[in-house]
Amino acid sequence: MTGASPLPGDPPGGRRALVVWGIGVSVYFVAVTFRTSLGVAGLDAADRFGVNASALSTFSILQLLVYAGMQIPVGLLVDRLGTKKVLGIGAVLFTIGQLGFALSPSYGMALASRALLGCGDAMTFISVLRLGSRWFPARRGPLIGQLAGLAGMAGNLVSTLVLARLLHGIGWTAAFAGSALAGVVVFVLLLLFLKDHPEGQEPDPVRHQGAAYVRRQVAASWREPGTRLGMWVHFTTQFPAMVFLLLWGMPFLVEAQGLDRATAGELLTLVVLSNMVFGLVYGQLIARQHGARLPLVLGTVGVTALLWAATLAYPGETAPMWLLVVLCTVLGACGPASMIGFDFSRPVNPPERQGTASGITNMGGFIASMTTLFAVGVLLDATGGDYGVAFAAVFVLQALGLTQILRLRGQAARRERERLVVSRVESVHVPV
């Protein structure tokens, strides 16, 4: 695919594109740092607010509920308003949310702050995908998407390594309030230097016709089998690692596996580092050969399920360290595999629907994560802390997602071939 001819009107890419896109990615980086900050502070939050497992999971569930619910509206906003405005609004919201979480004196106010953070976070990733499609050639889409995901995992790494140490060094309020300054920095950079598109690459104006326009955008995107396949790919692949990193990994490793917090933190870091390596590998593979997309997805799901089953069913009180290391390494592939969902939705939707289609796709993993976070919390309370039973919820959602992927794969492949033929015909008749 790297040798593919440029499409009509393809952006040129280059150094300027890298700089502008890098500013957008920095906003996403900070958003993910804030989003995952609860993952290293889950036990501290339970003590600070005096809540049980179900109430603790509500923090992440509410945040993801807002995030998932915002995906289609954000996609429509990006298509309508452009990247810079939506990213700017997002940066303001997630910064206020992080600061509010730092200063919250009660569980209710802390919940409201995480909801606000989730709202701002929801505006970042789709905007960054749209920014990449406006500044780089279409053939670079898979690699650019994986690199954006890589930047997000770098944010996760910062929360795992830096914020965790600050939390136990300078305390809750100072750590979270200090981190909120990063949101101010990226907001200023965005205002000064980010542009929606290169000169001469202005998109056609989008005619907004109220509710009718919204219905058409969503319906047209949903009719594409590739959009639905992308959503189910994202649904099935993202959530095992998301649930582990966002909330339940630290309690599982400390309470169920008997590790100290430092060792558990190192395993969470391994998930993030593994994610970054797999992101580069998957991005290169798909950029060279699109036929690798579905095998990579199915392989990642299968190996993840196998390792979870081996860990939870291991005879004895705890799993051996080597098995936990392998599990965390494999969980690192879940994020890059979820990014493949956008490589199914992107080719079958025209530029004016990319934001909406990406929003639908991005909902998948966060709906699955939200469902699993809730299920694990409820099952832990119901079973008196039996993580083996609680994490069995992972297999139920994987089975549901796999069923839908296998059902849609043929329709999506046929539709994508049709769109490719149309693009090639246009490239012959439209001067570039």
Protein backbone atom coordinates (compact mmCIF):
# COMPACT_ATOMS: atom_id res chain seq x y z
CA MET A 1 0.00 0.00 0.00
CA THR A 2 2.95 2.34 0.49
CA GLY A 3 3.39 2.57 -3.23
CA ALA A 4 -0.22 3.54 -3.91
CA SER A 5 -0.84 6.52 -6.11
CA PRO A 6 -1.98 9.66 -4.32
CA LEU A 7 -5.70 10.34 -4.45
CA PRO A 8 -7.08 13.56 -5.98
CA GLY A 9 -6.53 16.48 -3.62
CA ASP A 10 -4.33 14.42 -1.29
CA PRO A 11 -2.53 16.60 1.29
CA PRO A 12 1.24 16.75 0.78
CA GLY A 13 2.37 15.88 4.33
CA GLY A 14 5.91 17.03 5.16
CA ARG A 15 7.54 18.84 8.07
CA ARG A 16 4.81 21.44 8.50
CA ALA A 17 2.22 18.69 8.71
CA LEU A 18 4.24 16.94 11.42
CA VAL A 19 4.46 20.12 13.50
CA VAL A 20 0.75 20.96 13.29
CA TRP A 21 -0.33 17.37 13.82
CA GLY A 22 2.12 17.11 16.73
CA ILE A 23 0.35 19.96 18.51
CA GLY A 24 -2.97 18.18 18.13
CA VAL A 25 -1.43 14.96 19.39
CA SER A 26 -0.02 16.78 22.42
CA VAL A 27 -3.58 17.73 23.41
CA TYR A 28 -4.61 14.07 23.12
CA PHE A 29 -1.51 13.07 25.11
CA VAL A 30 -2.55 15.28 28.03
CA ALA A 31 -6.17 14.09 27.81
CA VAL A 32 -5.08 10.45 28.14
CA THR A 33 -2.78 11.33 31.04
CA PHE A 34 -5.77 12.82 32.86
CA ARG A 35 -8.10 9.97 31.82
CA THR A 36 -5.81 7.24 33.14
CA SER A 37 -4.73 9.08 36.28
CA LEU A 38 -7.42 7.27 38.26
CA GLY A 39 -5.82 3.93 37.35
CA VAL A 40 -2.88 4.62 39.67
CA ALA A 41 -5.06 6.33 42.28
CA GLY A 42 -7.91 3.82 42.57
CA LEU A 43 -6.99 2.51 46.01
CA ASP A 44 -6.23 6.05 47.22
CA ALA A 45 -9.59 7.27 45.89
CA ALA A 46 -11.40 4.47 47.75
CA ASP A 47 -9.74 5.56 50.99
CA ARG A 48 -10.16 9.29 50.35
CA PHE A 49 -13.89 9.11 49.63
CA GLY A 50 -14.69 6.01 51.72
CA VAL A 51 -16.32 3.98 48.93
CA ASN A 52 -16.55 0.28 48.01
CA ALA A 53 -15.65 -1.45 44.72
CA SER A 54 -18.94 -0.64 42.96
CA ALA A 55 -18.79 3.03 43.91
CA LEU A 56 -15.13 3.19 42.90
CA SER A 57 -15.91 1.74 39.49
CA THR A 58 -18.58 4.45 39.09
CA PHE A 59 -15.79 7.02 38.63
CA SER A 60 -14.52 5.31 35.50
CA ILE A 61 -17.96 4.19 34.33
CA LEU A 62 -19.35 7.72 34.41
CA GLN A 63 -16.26 9.08 32.69
CA LEU A 64 -16.54 6.46 29.92
CA LEU A 65 -20.33 6.87 29.70
CA VAL A 66 -19.86 10.56 28.96
CA TYR A 67 -17.00 9.76 26.57
CA ALA A 68 -18.97 7.15 24.63
CA GLY A 69 -22.13 9.26 24.56
CA MET A 70 -20.20 12.20 23.15
CA GLN A 71 -18.60 10.36 20.24
CA ILE A 72 -21.27 10.92 17.58
CA PRO A 73 -21.95 14.54 18.64
CA VAL A 74 -18.21 15.22 18.63
CA GLY A 75 -17.85 13.62 15.20
CA LEU A 76 -20.61 15.89 13.89
CA LEU A 77 -18.96 18.92 15.53
CA VAL A 78 -15.60 18.10 13.97
CA ASP A 79 -17.22 17.75 10.54
CA ARG A 80 -19.04 21.04 11.10
CA LEU A 81 -16.65 23.29 13.08
CA GLY A 82 -13.22 21.87 12.32
CA THR A 83 -10.48 20.47 14.49
CA LYS A 84 -9.10 23.56 16.19
CA LYS A 85 -12.35 24.71 17.77
CA VAL A 86 -13.33 21.26 19.01
CA LEU A 87 -9.87 20.51 20.40
CA GLY A 88 -9.84 23.88 22.14
CA ILE A 89 -13.18 23.23 23.84
CA GLY A 90 -11.98 19.78 24.84
CA ALA A 91 -8.75 21.11 26.39
CA VAL A 92 -10.67 23.62 28.50
CA LEU A 93 -13.11 20.98 29.76
CA PHE A 94 -10.61 18.27 30.65
CA THR A 95 -8.34 20.78 32.40
CA ILE A 96 -11.19 22.06 34.56
CA GLY A 97 -12.22 18.46 35.25
CA GLN A 98 -8.73 17.46 36.41
CA LEU A 99 -8.45 20.52 38.63
CA GLY A 100 -11.92 19.88 40.06
CA PHE A 101 -10.96 16.29 40.86
CA ALA A 102 -7.91 17.55 42.75
CA LEU A 103 -9.99 19.88 44.91
CA SER A 104 -13.13 17.76 45.38
CA PRO A 105 -14.07 17.46 49.05
CA SER A 106 -16.78 14.84 48.42
CA TYR A 107 -17.55 11.77 46.31
CA GLY A 108 -20.34 13.59 44.43
CA MET A 109 -18.15 16.51 43.40
CA ALA A 110 -15.39 14.13 42.38
CA LEU A 111 -17.88 12.27 40.17
CA ALA A 112 -18.95 15.52 38.51
CA SER A 113 -15.31 16.41 37.86
CA ARG A 114 -14.61 13.05 36.19
CA ALA A 115 -17.70 13.50 34.02
CA LEU A 116 -16.43 16.92 32.89
CA LEU A 117 -13.02 15.41 32.22
CA GLY A 118 -14.63 12.65 30.15
CA CYS A 119 -16.51 15.25 28.11
CA GLY A 120 -13.32 17.11 27.24
CA ASP A 121 -11.39 13.90 26.63
CA ALA A 122 -14.10 12.79 24.18
CA MET A 123 -13.29 15.71 21.91
CA THR A 124 -9.62 14.89 21.39
CA PHE A 125 -9.05 11.62 19.57
CA ILE A 126 -11.54 12.07 16.73
CA SER A 127 -10.18 15.58 16.22
CA VAL A 128 -6.63 14.23 15.97
CA LEU A 129 -7.72 11.59 13.44
CA ARG A 130 -9.41 14.29 11.38
CA LEU A 131 -6.32 16.51 11.64
CA GLY A 132 -4.15 13.68 10.33
CA SER A 133 -6.44 13.06 7.36
CA ARG A 134 -6.30 16.79 6.48
CA TRP A 135 -2.51 17.08 6.66
CA PHE A 136 -1.19 13.68 5.44
CA PRO A 137 -1.81 11.56 2.31
CA ALA A 138 -4.52 8.90 2.64
CA ARG A 139 -2.00 6.07 2.25
CA ARG A 140 -0.38 7.20 5.50
CA GLY A 141 -3.68 6.91 7.40
CA PRO A 142 -3.05 3.56 9.16
CA LEU A 143 0.42 4.57 10.36
CA ILE A 144 -0.69 8.06 11.43
CA GLY A 145 -3.58 6.53 13.38
CA GLN A 146 -1.29 4.10 15.17
CA LEU A 147 1.18 6.89 15.98
CA ALA A 148 -1.66 8.92 17.50
CA GLY A 149 -2.56 5.90 19.63
CA LEU A 150 1.12 5.61 20.56
CA ALA A 151 1.09 9.20 21.84
CA GLY A 152 -1.97 8.35 23.93
CA MET A 153 -0.16 5.42 25.50
CA ALA A 154 2.76 7.72 26.26
CA GLY A 155 0.24 9.78 28.26
CA ASN A 156 -0.77 6.60 30.04
CA LEU A 157 2.90 5.96 30.79
CA VAL A 158 3.24 9.41 32.35
CA SER A 159 0.28 8.79 34.65
CA THR A 160 1.66 5.37 35.59
CA LEU A 161 5.21 6.50 36.29
CA VAL A 162 5.14 10.22 37.11
CA LEU A 163 1.71 10.87 38.58
CA ALA A 164 1.85 7.75 40.73
CA ARG A 165 5.08 8.95 42.34
CA LEU A 166 3.76 12.48 42.78
CA LEU A 167 0.60 11.12 44.37
CA HIS A 168 2.52 9.28 47.04
CA GLY A 169 5.12 12.02 47.36
CA ILE A 170 3.31 15.36 47.52
CA GLY A 171 -0.23 14.15 48.10
CA TRP A 172 -3.56 13.99 46.27
CA THR A 173 -4.40 17.68 45.86
CA ALA A 174 -0.94 18.87 44.81
CA ALA A 175 -0.42 15.98 42.35
CA PHE A 176 -3.73 16.36 40.52
CA ALA A 177 -3.78 20.18 40.61
CA GLY A 178 -0.18 20.35 39.39
CA SER A 179 -0.90 18.01 36.50
CA ALA A 180 -3.76 20.28 35.40
CA LEU A 181 -1.14 22.86 34.35
CA ALA A 182 -0.29 20.63 31.38
CA GLY A 183 -3.78 21.30 30.04
CA VAL A 184 -3.15 25.04 30.12
CA VAL A 185 0.13 24.63 28.21
CA VAL A 186 -1.36 22.59 25.35
CA PHE A 187 -4.34 24.93 25.12
CA VAL A 188 -2.00 27.90 24.54
CA LEU A 189 -0.01 25.95 21.92
CA LEU A 190 -3.23 25.01 20.17
CA LEU A 191 -4.46 28.61 20.02
CA LEU A 192 -1.16 29.90 18.66
CA PHE A 193 -0.05 27.29 16.14
CA LEU A 194 -2.71 24.73 15.17
CA LYS A 195 -4.43 24.98 11.77
CA ASP A 196 -7.25 22.79 10.50
CA HIS A 197 -5.72 22.20 7.06
CA PRO A 198 -2.86 23.27 4.76
CA GLU A 199 -3.17 26.35 2.59
CA GLY A 200 -5.13 25.55 -0.55
CA GLN A 201 -6.67 22.43 1.00
CA GLU A 202 -9.82 24.03 2.40
CA PRO A 203 -12.71 21.55 2.50
CA ASP A 204 -16.02 22.37 0.90
CA PRO A 205 -18.34 24.13 3.35
CA VAL A 206 -20.77 21.81 5.11
CA ARG A 207 -24.37 22.84 4.84
CA HIS A 208 -26.03 22.46 8.20
CA GLN A 209 -29.77 21.80 8.09
CA GLY A 210 -30.53 21.11 11.72
CA ALA A 211 -31.74 17.71 12.82
CA ALA A 212 -32.12 16.54 9.23
CA TYR A 213 -28.41 17.06 8.63
CA VAL A 214 -27.50 15.13 11.79
CA ARG A 215 -29.76 12.22 10.87
CA ARG A 216 -28.33 12.03 7.35
CA GLN A 217 -24.73 12.07 8.56
CA VAL A 218 -25.28 9.37 11.16
CA ALA A 219 -27.51 7.21 8.95
CA ALA A 220 -25.16 7.38 5.97
CA SER A 221 -22.17 6.46 8.13
CA TRP A 222 -24.02 3.62 9.84
CA ARG A 223 -25.21 2.14 6.53
CA GLU A 224 -21.60 1.45 5.61
CA PRO A 225 -20.70 -2.11 6.74
CA GLY A 226 -17.13 -0.89 7.24
CA THR A 227 -18.28 1.61 9.87
CA ARG A 228 -20.14 -1.08 11.79
CA LEU A 229 -17.27 -3.53 11.44
CA GLY A 230 -14.88 -0.86 12.69
CA MET A 231 -17.07 -0.25 15.72
CA TRP A 232 -17.20 -3.96 16.61
CA VAL A 233 -13.45 -4.34 16.10
CA HIS A 234 -12.92 -1.44 18.49
CA PHE A 235 -15.49 -2.92 20.89
CA THR A 236 -13.85 -6.35 21.00
CA THR A 237 -10.19 -5.41 21.16
CA GLN A 238 -9.83 -2.29 23.30
CA PHE A 239 -11.61 -3.04 26.56
CA PRO A 240 -9.44 -5.78 28.20
CA ALA A 241 -6.45 -3.44 28.45
CA MET A 242 -8.57 -0.35 29.08
CA VAL A 243 -10.30 -1.92 32.09
CA PHE A 244 -6.95 -3.16 33.41
CA LEU A 245 -5.18 0.19 33.06
CA LEU A 246 -8.06 2.49 33.88
CA LEU A 247 -9.09 0.96 37.19
CA TRP A 248 -8.96 -2.76 37.99
CA GLY A 249 -5.37 -3.70 37.15
CA MET A 250 -3.81 -2.31 40.32
CA PRO A 251 -6.41 -3.81 42.71
CA PHE A 252 -6.22 -7.17 40.87
CA LEU A 253 -2.44 -7.37 41.09
CA VAL A 254 -2.28 -6.18 44.71
CA GLU A 255 -5.33 -7.83 46.27
CA ALA A 256 -5.71 -10.99 44.15
CA GLN A 257 -2.09 -11.67 43.20
CA GLY A 258 -0.42 -10.48 46.42
CA LEU A 259 2.02 -8.07 44.77
CA ASP A 260 3.20 -4.84 46.36
CA ARG A 261 2.20 -1.59 44.72
CA ALA A 262 5.63 -0.95 43.23
CA THR A 263 5.69 -4.31 41.43
CA ALA A 264 2.09 -3.90 40.31
CA GLY A 265 2.98 -0.46 38.94
CA GLU A 266 5.82 -1.99 36.97
CA LEU A 267 3.42 -4.48 35.38
CA LEU A 268 1.03 -1.67 34.45
CA THR A 269 4.00 0.11 32.90
CA LEU A 270 4.79 -3.05 30.93
CA VAL A 271 1.28 -2.95 29.42
CA VAL A 272 1.90 0.61 28.25
CA LEU A 273 5.38 -0.08 26.87
CA SER A 274 4.14 -3.20 25.09
CA ASN A 275 1.30 -1.15 23.60
CA MET A 276 3.79 1.33 22.16
CA VAL A 277 5.85 -1.43 20.54
CA PHE A 278 2.81 -3.22 19.12
CA GLY A 279 1.49 0.12 17.82
CA LEU A 280 4.57 0.64 15.67
CA VAL A 281 4.53 -2.97 14.43
CA TYR A 282 0.80 -3.03 13.62
CA GLY A 283 0.96 0.36 11.90
CA GLN A 284 3.80 -0.73 9.61
CA LEU A 285 2.16 -4.08 8.81
CA ILE A 286 -1.18 -2.53 7.86
CA ALA A 287 0.41 0.30 5.88
CA ARG A 288 2.19 -2.33 3.77
CA GLN A 289 -0.64 -4.88 3.54
CA HIS A 290 -4.27 -4.10 4.31
CA GLY A 291 -5.04 -7.80 4.20
CA ALA A 292 -3.33 -8.11 7.58
CA ARG A 293 -6.05 -6.15 9.35
CA LEU A 294 -8.53 -8.90 10.22
CA PRO A 295 -5.91 -11.59 11.06
CA LEU A 296 -4.26 -9.14 13.47
CA VAL A 297 -7.61 -8.38 15.12
CA LEU A 298 -8.65 -12.03 15.48
CA GLY A 299 -5.20 -13.08 16.65
CA THR A 300 -5.09 -10.37 19.31
CA VAL A 301 -8.53 -11.28 20.65
CA GLY A 302 -7.73 -14.99 20.71
CA VAL A 303 -4.38 -14.68 22.48
CA THR A 304 -5.78 -12.16 24.98
CA ALA A 305 -8.62 -14.52 25.90
CA LEU A 306 -6.21 -17.44 26.23
CA LEU A 307 -3.86 -15.55 28.57
CA TRP A 308 -6.71 -14.23 30.73
CA ALA A 309 -8.13 -17.74 31.04
CA ALA A 310 -4.72 -19.16 31.97
CA THR A 311 -4.18 -16.46 34.61
CA LEU A 312 -7.60 -16.71 36.22
CA ALA A 313 -7.71 -20.53 36.17
CA TYR A 314 -4.13 -21.10 37.31
CA PRO A 315 -4.04 -23.69 40.13
CA GLY A 316 -2.89 -22.20 43.39
CA GLU A 317 -3.58 -18.98 45.21
CA THR A 318 -1.74 -16.71 42.75
CA ALA A 319 -0.44 -16.89 39.20
CA PRO A 320 3.35 -17.03 38.75
CA MET A 321 5.16 -13.83 37.83
CA TRP A 322 6.13 -15.10 34.37
CA LEU A 323 2.45 -15.59 33.49
CA LEU A 324 1.53 -12.11 34.73
CA VAL A 325 4.36 -10.68 32.63
CA VAL A 326 3.12 -12.50 29.52
CA LEU A 327 -0.47 -11.39 30.22
CA CYS A 328 0.55 -7.74 30.55
CA THR A 329 2.68 -7.96 27.41
CA VAL A 330 -0.24 -9.35 25.41
CA LEU A 331 -2.66 -6.78 26.85
CA GLY A 332 -0.37 -4.20 25.25
CA ALA A 333 -1.56 -5.36 21.82
CA CYS A 334 -5.20 -4.51 22.58
CA GLY A 335 -4.87 -0.76 21.97
CA PRO A 336 -3.13 -1.07 18.56
CA ALA A 337 -5.64 -3.75 17.52
CA SER A 338 -8.52 -1.40 18.39
CA MET A 339 -7.01 1.25 16.10
CA ILE A 340 -7.54 -1.14 13.19
CA GLY A 341 -11.25 -0.42 13.55
CA PHE A 342 -10.65 3.03 12.05
CA ASP A 343 -8.90 1.39 9.10
CA PHE A 344 -12.16 -0.37 8.30
CA SER A 345 -14.37 2.73 8.63
CA ARG A 346 -12.04 5.27 6.99
CA PRO A 347 -11.91 3.91 3.39
CA VAL A 348 -15.68 3.62 2.96
CA ASN A 349 -16.67 7.10 4.17
CA PRO A 350 -16.06 10.33 2.24
CA PRO A 351 -14.11 13.20 3.86
CA GLU A 352 -17.25 15.07 4.92
CA ARG A 353 -18.33 12.06 7.03
CA GLN A 354 -14.97 11.07 8.52
CA GLY A 355 -15.64 12.67 11.89
CA THR A 356 -19.06 11.07 12.25
CA ALA A 357 -17.83 7.64 11.14
CA SER A 358 -14.85 7.84 13.50
CA GLY A 359 -17.20 8.78 16.34
CA ILE A 360 -19.33 5.70 15.73
CA THR A 361 -16.23 3.50 15.58
CA ASN A 362 -14.73 5.00 18.71
CA MET A 363 -17.89 4.35 20.71
CA GLY A 364 -17.35 0.60 20.52
CA GLY A 365 -14.39 0.12 22.82
CA PHE A 366 -15.62 2.60 25.39
CA ILE A 367 -19.06 1.02 25.61
CA ALA A 368 -17.36 -2.35 26.16
CA SER A 369 -14.98 -0.86 28.74
CA MET A 370 -17.81 0.87 30.61
CA THR A 371 -19.86 -2.34 30.68
CA THR A 372 -16.93 -4.41 31.93
CA LEU A 373 -15.90 -1.87 34.58
CA PHE A 374 -19.42 -1.98 35.98
CA ALA A 375 -19.71 -5.77 35.77
CA VAL A 376 -16.37 -6.33 37.53
CA GLY A 377 -17.28 -3.95 40.36
CA VAL A 378 -20.70 -5.54 40.90
CA LEU A 379 -19.31 -9.09 40.77
CA LEU A 380 -16.51 -8.24 43.19
CA ASP A 381 -19.01 -6.93 45.73
CA ALA A 382 -21.37 -9.87 45.14
CA THR A 383 -18.66 -12.53 45.52
CA GLY A 384 -16.68 -10.96 48.34
CA GLY A 385 -13.74 -10.03 46.11
CA ASP A 386 -13.47 -13.08 43.81
CA TYR A 387 -11.50 -11.67 40.87
CA GLY A 388 -11.73 -14.95 38.96
CA VAL A 389 -15.51 -14.66 38.74
CA ALA A 390 -15.45 -10.89 38.22
CA PHE A 391 -13.03 -10.93 35.29
CA ALA A 392 -15.04 -13.67 33.55
CA ALA A 393 -17.07 -10.74 32.17
CA VAL A 394 -14.21 -10.21 29.71
CA PHE A 395 -15.02 -13.44 27.87
CA VAL A 396 -18.71 -12.60 27.48
CA LEU A 397 -18.01 -9.32 25.70
CA GLN A 398 -15.26 -10.84 23.57
CA ALA A 399 -17.67 -13.54 22.38
CA LEU A 400 -20.32 -10.95 21.49
CA GLY A 401 -17.85 -8.82 19.56
CA LEU A 402 -16.34 -11.75 17.66
CA THR A 403 -19.78 -12.85 16.51
CA GLN A 404 -20.45 -9.42 14.99
CA ILE A 405 -16.99 -9.15 13.39
CA LEU A 406 -17.39 -12.49 11.64
CA ARG A 407 -20.91 -11.55 10.51
CA LEU A 408 -19.88 -8.21 8.96
CA ARG A 409 -16.44 -8.96 7.49
CA GLY A 410 -17.69 -10.13 4.07
CA GLN A 411 -20.05 -7.19 3.52
CA ALA A 412 -17.38 -4.70 4.56
CA ALA A 413 -14.76 -6.21 2.23
CA ARG A 414 -17.10 -6.03 -0.78
CA ARG A 415 -18.06 -2.43 -0.07
CA GLU A 416 -14.44 -1.40 0.38
CA ARG A 417 -13.51 -2.92 -2.98
CA GLU A 418 -16.34 -0.96 -4.61
CA ARG A 419 -15.15 2.31 -3.07
CA LEU A 420 -11.57 1.61 -4.18
CA VAL A 421 -12.69 1.14 -7.78
CA VAL A 422 -14.57 4.46 -7.66
CA SER A 423 -11.50 6.26 -6.25
CA ARG A 424 -9.28 4.88 -8.98
CA VAL A 425 -11.72 5.99 -11.68
CA GLU A 426 -11.83 9.49 -10.17
CA SER A 427 -8.03 9.62 -10.02
CA VAL A 428 -7.92 8.96 -13.76
CA HIS A 429 -10.47 11.67 -14.66
CA VAL A 430 -9.68 14.35 -12.08
CA PRO A 431 -6.46 16.34 -12.68
CA VAL A 432 -4.03 16.50 -9.75
